[in-house]
Structure formats: structure tokens, C-alpha cells
Amino acid sequence: MAVSVCFSARSSDKAAEAGVETLKDYRGKGYAMRVTSSWAQAIRRSGRIPLYSTSWDNYSSQSIAKRLRLHFYGTDISIY
């Protein structure tokens, strides 16, 4: 059973943006880091730039981008 996946949420010939989903019971165990690292390596091998964005308060997700040296280009803010 896959517990964490990283995929290209958006993709072009120059760059791709990571999308990451991890099952709730498996968060905080390093799975997102591992799948995102593999995804980023594949994107770099293809000659493209790995991009990453997340919500402004998702510090765990922001940490992944920073540790993997991904191009962290934005955060989203939801106002209710």
C-alpha cells in the first residue's frame, strides 16, 4: 500500500511543481521527504526545475522544500 506519493501537479518543458499526499497516520515519519526527493531527482534529470509551493502555515511542508533545495516559489493564504 502506498502511504505517500509525490507527483507533478503542474508540468511544462521548463519546470514541474510537486504535489504531495501522505496518509494521516503516516505523517511525520519521513515518507513525504523520501518521495519528494525521488520526484525532484527525476525532474532534475529531465533538465527541468523542481518547483514547490504550500500553504503559509504548513511548516513541515516548507521544511521539505528547504531541505531538498527545491525552488520554493509561493504560499497560499485562505481567508474565511
C-alpha atoms as a PDB file:
ATOM      1  CA  MET A   1       0.000   0.000   0.000  1.00  0.00           C
ATOM      2  CA  ALA A   2       1.331   3.424  -0.924  1.00  0.00           C
ATOM      3  CA  VAL A   3       1.296   5.713   2.108  1.00  0.00           C
ATOM      4  CA  SER A   4       2.871   8.782   0.466  1.00  0.00           C
ATOM      5  CA  VAL A   5       3.104   9.960  -3.127  1.00  0.00           C
ATOM      6  CA  CYS A   6       4.708  12.887  -4.894  1.00  0.00           C
ATOM      7  CA  PHE A   7       3.537  13.817  -8.369  1.00  0.00           C
ATOM      8  CA  SER A   8       3.756  16.687 -10.820  1.00  0.00           C
ATOM      9  CA  ALA A   9       0.726  18.835 -10.077  1.00  0.00           C
ATOM     10  CA  ARG A  10       1.745  21.143 -12.935  1.00  0.00           C
ATOM     11  CA  SER A  11       4.326  20.452 -15.593  1.00  0.00           C
ATOM     12  CA  SER A  12       5.944  22.171 -18.550  1.00  0.00           C
ATOM     13  CA  ASP A  13       9.074  21.700 -20.616  1.00  0.00           C
ATOM     14  CA  LYS A  14      10.943  24.017 -18.197  1.00  0.00           C
ATOM     15  CA  ALA A  15       9.630  23.114 -14.753  1.00  0.00           C
ATOM     16  CA  ALA A  16       7.292  20.932 -12.708  1.00  0.00           C
ATOM     17  CA  GLU A  17       5.501  21.637  -9.446  1.00  0.00           C
ATOM     18  CA  ALA A  18       5.369  18.981  -6.739  1.00  0.00           C
ATOM     19  CA  GLY A  19       2.127  17.700  -5.311  1.00  0.00           C
ATOM     20  CA  VAL A  20       2.498  15.555  -2.187  1.00  0.00           C
ATOM     21  CA  GLU A  21      -0.080  13.471  -0.363  1.00  0.00           C
ATOM     22  CA  THR A  22       0.610  11.353   2.717  1.00  0.00           C
ATOM     23  CA  LEU A  23      -1.943   9.332   4.645  1.00  0.00           C
ATOM     24  CA  LYS A  24      -2.692  10.923   8.016  1.00  0.00           C
ATOM     25  CA  ASP A  25      -1.424   8.003  10.115  1.00  0.00           C
ATOM     26  CA  TYR A  26       1.933   8.083   8.296  1.00  0.00           C
ATOM     27  CA  ARG A  27       2.725  11.797   8.522  1.00  0.00           C
ATOM     28  CA  GLY A  28       5.827  12.913  10.382  1.00  0.00           C
ATOM     29  CA  LYS A  29       7.734   9.715   9.603  1.00  0.00           C
ATOM     30  CA  GLY A  30       9.825  10.965   6.663  1.00  0.00           C
ATOM     31  CA  TYR A  31       7.790   9.434   3.843  1.00  0.00           C
ATOM     32  CA  ALA A  32       6.960  12.765   2.203  1.00  0.00           C
ATOM     33  CA  MET A  33      10.628  13.728   2.244  1.00  0.00           C
ATOM     34  CA  ARG A  34      11.647  10.475   0.571  1.00  0.00           C
ATOM     35  CA  VAL A  35       9.053  10.521  -2.199  1.00  0.00           C
ATOM     36  CA  THR A  36       9.601  14.221  -2.874  1.00  0.00           C
ATOM     37  CA  SER A  37      13.359  13.683  -3.051  1.00  0.00           C
ATOM     38  CA  SER A  38      12.901  10.931  -5.650  1.00  0.00           C
ATOM     39  CA  TRP A  39      10.481  13.109  -7.619  1.00  0.00           C
ATOM     40  CA  ALA A  40      12.906  16.075  -7.559  1.00  0.00           C
ATOM     41  CA  GLN A  41      15.783  13.902  -8.777  1.00  0.00           C
ATOM     42  CA  ALA A  42      13.693  12.696 -11.715  1.00  0.00           C
ATOM     43  CA  ILE A  43      12.669  16.257 -12.588  1.00  0.00           C
ATOM     44  CA  ARG A  44      16.290  17.444 -12.467  1.00  0.00           C
ATOM     45  CA  ARG A  45      17.439  14.522 -14.627  1.00  0.00           C
ATOM     46  CA  SER A  46      14.880  15.596 -17.215  1.00  0.00           C
ATOM     47  CA  GLY A  47      16.517  19.055 -17.307  1.00  0.00           C
ATOM     48  CA  ARG A  48      13.603  20.810 -15.616  1.00  0.00           C
ATOM     49  CA  ILE A  49      13.320  22.891 -12.456  1.00  0.00           C
ATOM     50  CA  PRO A  50      11.545  21.285  -9.471  1.00  0.00           C
ATOM     51  CA  LEU A  51       9.105  23.809  -8.009  1.00  0.00           C
ATOM     52  CA  TYR A  52       7.345  23.647  -4.664  1.00  0.00           C
ATOM     53  CA  SER A  53       4.594  25.652  -3.019  1.00  0.00           C
ATOM     54  CA  THR A  54       2.457  25.123   0.054  1.00  0.00           C
ATOM     55  CA  SER A  55       0.225  26.936   2.488  1.00  0.00           C
ATOM     56  CA  TRP A  56       1.815  29.657   4.590  1.00  0.00           C
ATOM     57  CA  ASP A  57       1.303  27.736   7.834  1.00  0.00           C
ATOM     58  CA  ASN A  58       2.413  24.266   6.702  1.00  0.00           C
ATOM     59  CA  TYR A  59       5.870  24.380   8.256  1.00  0.00           C
ATOM     60  CA  SER A  60       6.514  20.664   7.746  1.00  0.00           C
ATOM     61  CA  SER A  61       5.925  21.041   4.026  1.00  0.00           C
ATOM     62  CA  GLN A  62       8.075  24.161   3.850  1.00  0.00           C
ATOM     63  CA  SER A  63      10.850  22.241   5.604  1.00  0.00           C
ATOM     64  CA  ILE A  64      10.811  19.614   2.849  1.00  0.00           C
ATOM     65  CA  ALA A  65      11.287  22.270   0.183  1.00  0.00           C
ATOM     66  CA  LYS A  66      14.133  23.874   2.093  1.00  0.00           C
ATOM     67  CA  ARG A  67      15.957  20.616   2.909  1.00  0.00           C
ATOM     68  CA  LEU A  68      15.732  19.382  -0.685  1.00  0.00           C
ATOM     69  CA  ARG A  69      16.736  22.786  -2.096  1.00  0.00           C
ATOM     70  CA  LEU A  70      13.628  22.968  -4.251  1.00  0.00           C
ATOM     71  CA  HIS A  71      12.557  26.238  -5.823  1.00  0.00           C
ATOM     72  CA  PHE A  72      10.025  27.308  -3.208  1.00  0.00           C
ATOM     73  CA  TYR A  73       8.095  29.920  -5.082  1.00  0.00           C
ATOM     74  CA  GLY A  74       4.958  30.638  -3.152  1.00  0.00           C
ATOM     75  CA  THR A  75       2.486  30.007  -0.410  1.00  0.00           C
ATOM     76  CA  ASP A  76      -1.253  30.320  -0.361  1.00  0.00           C
ATOM     77  CA  ILE A  77      -3.357  32.067   2.229  1.00  0.00           C
ATOM     78  CA  SER A  78      -7.003  31.259   2.846  1.00  0.00           C
ATOM     79  CA  ILE A  79      -9.166  33.927   4.422  1.00  0.00           C
ATOM     80  CA  TYR A  80     -12.550  32.921   5.760  1.00  0.00           C
END
